[in-house]
Structure formats: C-alpha cells, structure tokens
C-alpha cells in the first residue's frame, strides 16, 4: 500500500491492523524506506518469540518438555486466543512439574 493511501486512511488502516492481526506494508518510492505496520500486541508476541528462539538453553528445555509430553510423562494444556471470533494463536503450557524435571 502506498504511503499516500495509508496517510489518507490512517485511522481505518490502524483499526484494521489491530482487528485483523495482519501486518500492513507501507511502500515508498525508494523500497529501502518501506515500513511494516503491526499491532502492539503482535509486535510484543514477535519479540517474545524471537527471544525464545534466540535462547538455546530455554529452547533445549522446551524440547525436553515436548519429548516428555510425547512420551506421556507430562500433560499438555492448550489455550486458545481468539481475535474477532477466529483462532489467533495456540500456546502450549507445560505443568510446573515437567519444567522442574527438565532441569
């Protein structure tokens, strides 16, 4: 979407980004100036994901916990987050015992 169009309909586009959870690419004449507009909620989730993925120790614990779930040694609880009536994301939370047994 061009910057000009984005600017003309700023309020509508910002509302759409928050409601749909779909980032918006705003383009300029120089492609190096293009930007992505996303909701704060999605930005925070992306930052958290990047943190988790960049932490080898934590990822190893998650993998061990997942292996315990697969082996039937731990229980999985799934929580659903809804955005406008649709499933936005699923997150997996392990019981405290399974985290402690991974250490």
C-alpha atoms as a PDB file:
ATOM      1  CA  UNK A   1       0.000   0.000   0.000  1.00  0.00           C
ATOM      2  CA  UNK A   2       1.376   3.400  -0.895  1.00  0.00           C
ATOM      3  CA  UNK A   3       2.281   5.880   1.802  1.00  0.00           C
ATOM      4  CA  UNK A   4      -0.133   8.370   0.249  1.00  0.00           C
ATOM      5  CA  UNK A   5      -3.072   5.939   0.513  1.00  0.00           C
ATOM      6  CA  UNK A   6      -2.024   4.887   4.019  1.00  0.00           C
ATOM      7  CA  UNK A   7      -1.826   8.505   5.146  1.00  0.00           C
ATOM      8  CA  UNK A   8      -5.252   9.361   3.679  1.00  0.00           C
ATOM      9  CA  UNK A   9      -6.928   6.481   5.524  1.00  0.00           C
ATOM     10  CA  UNK A  10      -4.667   6.255   8.562  1.00  0.00           C
ATOM     11  CA  UNK A  11      -7.374   5.684  11.174  1.00  0.00           C
ATOM     12  CA  UNK A  12      -9.068   2.943   9.133  1.00  0.00           C
ATOM     13  CA  UNK A  13      -5.797   1.145   8.412  1.00  0.00           C
ATOM     14  CA  UNK A  14      -4.667   1.239  12.036  1.00  0.00           C
ATOM     15  CA  UNK A  15      -8.028  -0.141  13.135  1.00  0.00           C
ATOM     16  CA  UNK A  16      -7.775  -2.898  10.507  1.00  0.00           C
ATOM     17  CA  UNK A  17      -4.258  -3.867  11.614  1.00  0.00           C
ATOM     18  CA  UNK A  18      -5.446  -4.239  15.205  1.00  0.00           C
ATOM     19  CA  UNK A  19      -8.646  -6.116  14.360  1.00  0.00           C
ATOM     20  CA  UNK A  20      -7.266  -8.477  11.703  1.00  0.00           C
ATOM     21  CA  UNK A  21      -3.817  -9.037  13.230  1.00  0.00           C
ATOM     22  CA  UNK A  22      -2.368  -8.765   9.719  1.00  0.00           C
ATOM     23  CA  UNK A  23       0.676  -6.501   9.293  1.00  0.00           C
ATOM     24  CA  UNK A  24       0.494  -3.836   6.627  1.00  0.00           C
ATOM     25  CA  UNK A  25       3.397  -2.944   4.319  1.00  0.00           C
ATOM     26  CA  UNK A  26       3.575   0.762   3.510  1.00  0.00           C
ATOM     27  CA  UNK A  27       5.599   1.463   0.392  1.00  0.00           C
ATOM     28  CA  UNK A  28       7.598   4.468  -0.701  1.00  0.00           C
ATOM     29  CA  UNK A  29       9.324   5.403  -3.943  1.00  0.00           C
ATOM     30  CA  UNK A  30      12.581   4.109  -2.515  1.00  0.00           C
ATOM     31  CA  UNK A  31      11.966   0.472  -1.475  1.00  0.00           C
ATOM     32  CA  UNK A  32      14.578   0.837   1.287  1.00  0.00           C
ATOM     33  CA  UNK A  33      12.171   3.241   3.006  1.00  0.00           C
ATOM     34  CA  UNK A  34       9.261   0.765   3.144  1.00  0.00           C
ATOM     35  CA  UNK A  35       7.842   0.028   6.597  1.00  0.00           C
ATOM     36  CA  UNK A  36       5.644  -2.591   8.208  1.00  0.00           C
ATOM     37  CA  UNK A  37       2.790  -1.508  10.473  1.00  0.00           C
ATOM     38  CA  UNK A  38       1.596  -4.050  13.016  1.00  0.00           C
ATOM     39  CA  UNK A  39      -0.369  -4.026  16.241  1.00  0.00           C
ATOM     40  CA  UNK A  40       1.484  -3.613  19.529  1.00  0.00           C
ATOM     41  CA  UNK A  41       0.098  -6.986  20.627  1.00  0.00           C
ATOM     42  CA  UNK A  42       1.581  -8.703  17.556  1.00  0.00           C
ATOM     43  CA  UNK A  43       4.857  -6.816  17.925  1.00  0.00           C
ATOM     44  CA  UNK A  44       5.165  -7.957  21.543  1.00  0.00           C
ATOM     45  CA  UNK A  45       4.391 -11.556  20.531  1.00  0.00           C
ATOM     46  CA  UNK A  46       7.030 -11.404  17.789  1.00  0.00           C
ATOM     47  CA  UNK A  47       9.607 -10.004  20.201  1.00  0.00           C
ATOM     48  CA  UNK A  48       8.837 -12.760  22.709  1.00  0.00           C
ATOM     49  CA  UNK A  49       9.119 -15.420  20.008  1.00  0.00           C
ATOM     50  CA  UNK A  50      12.465 -14.035  18.864  1.00  0.00           C
ATOM     51  CA  UNK A  51      13.694 -14.040  22.462  1.00  0.00           C
ATOM     52  CA  UNK A  52      12.648 -17.660  22.953  1.00  0.00           C
ATOM     53  CA  UNK A  53      14.183 -18.798  19.673  1.00  0.00           C
ATOM     54  CA  UNK A  54      17.455 -16.992  20.379  1.00  0.00           C
ATOM     55  CA  UNK A  55      17.869 -18.564  23.823  1.00  0.00           C
ATOM     56  CA  UNK A  56      19.478 -22.002  23.274  1.00  0.00           C
ATOM     57  CA  UNK A  57      19.147 -23.026  26.926  1.00  0.00           C
ATOM     58  CA  UNK A  58      15.434 -22.263  27.016  1.00  0.00           C
ATOM     59  CA  UNK A  59      14.832 -23.950  23.653  1.00  0.00           C
ATOM     60  CA  UNK A  60      16.574 -27.083  24.962  1.00  0.00           C
ATOM     61  CA  UNK A  61      14.260 -27.097  27.992  1.00  0.00           C
ATOM     62  CA  UNK A  62      11.224 -26.675  25.745  1.00  0.00           C
ATOM     63  CA  UNK A  63      12.364 -29.554  23.530  1.00  0.00           C
ATOM     64  CA  UNK A  64      12.921 -31.787  26.569  1.00  0.00           C
ATOM     65  CA  UNK A  65       9.466 -30.866  27.848  1.00  0.00           C
ATOM     66  CA  UNK A  66       7.950 -31.625  24.454  1.00  0.00           C
ATOM     67  CA  UNK A  67       9.710 -35.006  24.455  1.00  0.00           C
ATOM     68  CA  UNK A  68       8.217 -35.707  27.880  1.00  0.00           C
ATOM     69  CA  UNK A  69       4.764 -34.886  26.558  1.00  0.00           C
ATOM     70  CA  UNK A  70       5.300 -37.186  23.582  1.00  0.00           C
ATOM     71  CA  UNK A  71       6.469 -39.953  25.926  1.00  0.00           C
ATOM     72  CA  UNK A  72       3.374 -39.464  28.105  1.00  0.00           C
ATOM     73  CA  UNK A  73       5.378 -38.255  31.109  1.00  0.00           C
ATOM     74  CA  UNK A  74       3.786 -34.797  31.194  1.00  0.00           C
ATOM     75  CA  UNK A  75       0.431 -33.264  30.332  1.00  0.00           C
ATOM     76  CA  UNK A  76      -0.193 -30.605  27.728  1.00  0.00           C
ATOM     77  CA  UNK A  77      -2.633 -27.770  28.254  1.00  0.00           C
ATOM     78  CA  UNK A  78      -3.688 -25.775  25.221  1.00  0.00           C
ATOM     79  CA  UNK A  79      -5.113 -22.289  25.491  1.00  0.00           C
ATOM     80  CA  UNK A  80      -6.752 -20.563  22.551  1.00  0.00           C
ATOM     81  CA  UNK A  81      -6.627 -16.849  21.931  1.00  0.00           C
ATOM     82  CA  UNK A  82      -9.460 -15.513  19.814  1.00  0.00           C
ATOM     83  CA  UNK A  83      -9.333 -12.438  17.598  1.00  0.00           C
ATOM     84  CA  UNK A  84     -12.660 -11.463  16.037  1.00  0.00           C
ATOM     85  CA  UNK A  85     -14.024 -14.966  16.556  1.00  0.00           C
ATOM     86  CA  UNK A  86     -11.132 -16.796  14.869  1.00  0.00           C
ATOM     87  CA  UNK A  87      -8.291 -18.641  16.489  1.00  0.00           C
ATOM     88  CA  UNK A  88      -5.370 -16.228  16.551  1.00  0.00           C
ATOM     89  CA  UNK A  89      -2.811 -18.486  18.081  1.00  0.00           C
ATOM     90  CA  UNK A  90      -2.322 -21.562  20.230  1.00  0.00           C
ATOM     91  CA  UNK A  91       0.137 -21.659  23.069  1.00  0.00           C
ATOM     92  CA  UNK A  92       1.356 -24.671  24.938  1.00  0.00           C
ATOM     93  CA  UNK A  93       1.975 -24.522  28.641  1.00  0.00           C
ATOM     94  CA  UNK A  94       3.651 -27.339  30.488  1.00  0.00           C
ATOM     95  CA  UNK A  95       2.808 -28.098  34.089  1.00  0.00           C
ATOM     96  CA  UNK A  96       5.337 -26.852  36.623  1.00  0.00           C
ATOM     97  CA  UNK A  97       6.446 -30.418  37.403  1.00  0.00           C
ATOM     98  CA  UNK A  98       7.527 -31.062  33.820  1.00  0.00           C
ATOM     99  CA  UNK A  99       9.598 -27.858  33.748  1.00  0.00           C
ATOM    100  CA  UNK A 100      11.317 -28.818  37.001  1.00  0.00           C
ATOM    101  CA  UNK A 101      12.056 -32.319  35.770  1.00  0.00           C
ATOM    102  CA  UNK A 102      13.773 -30.851  32.684  1.00  0.00           C
ATOM    103  CA  UNK A 103      16.446 -29.182  34.778  1.00  0.00           C
END
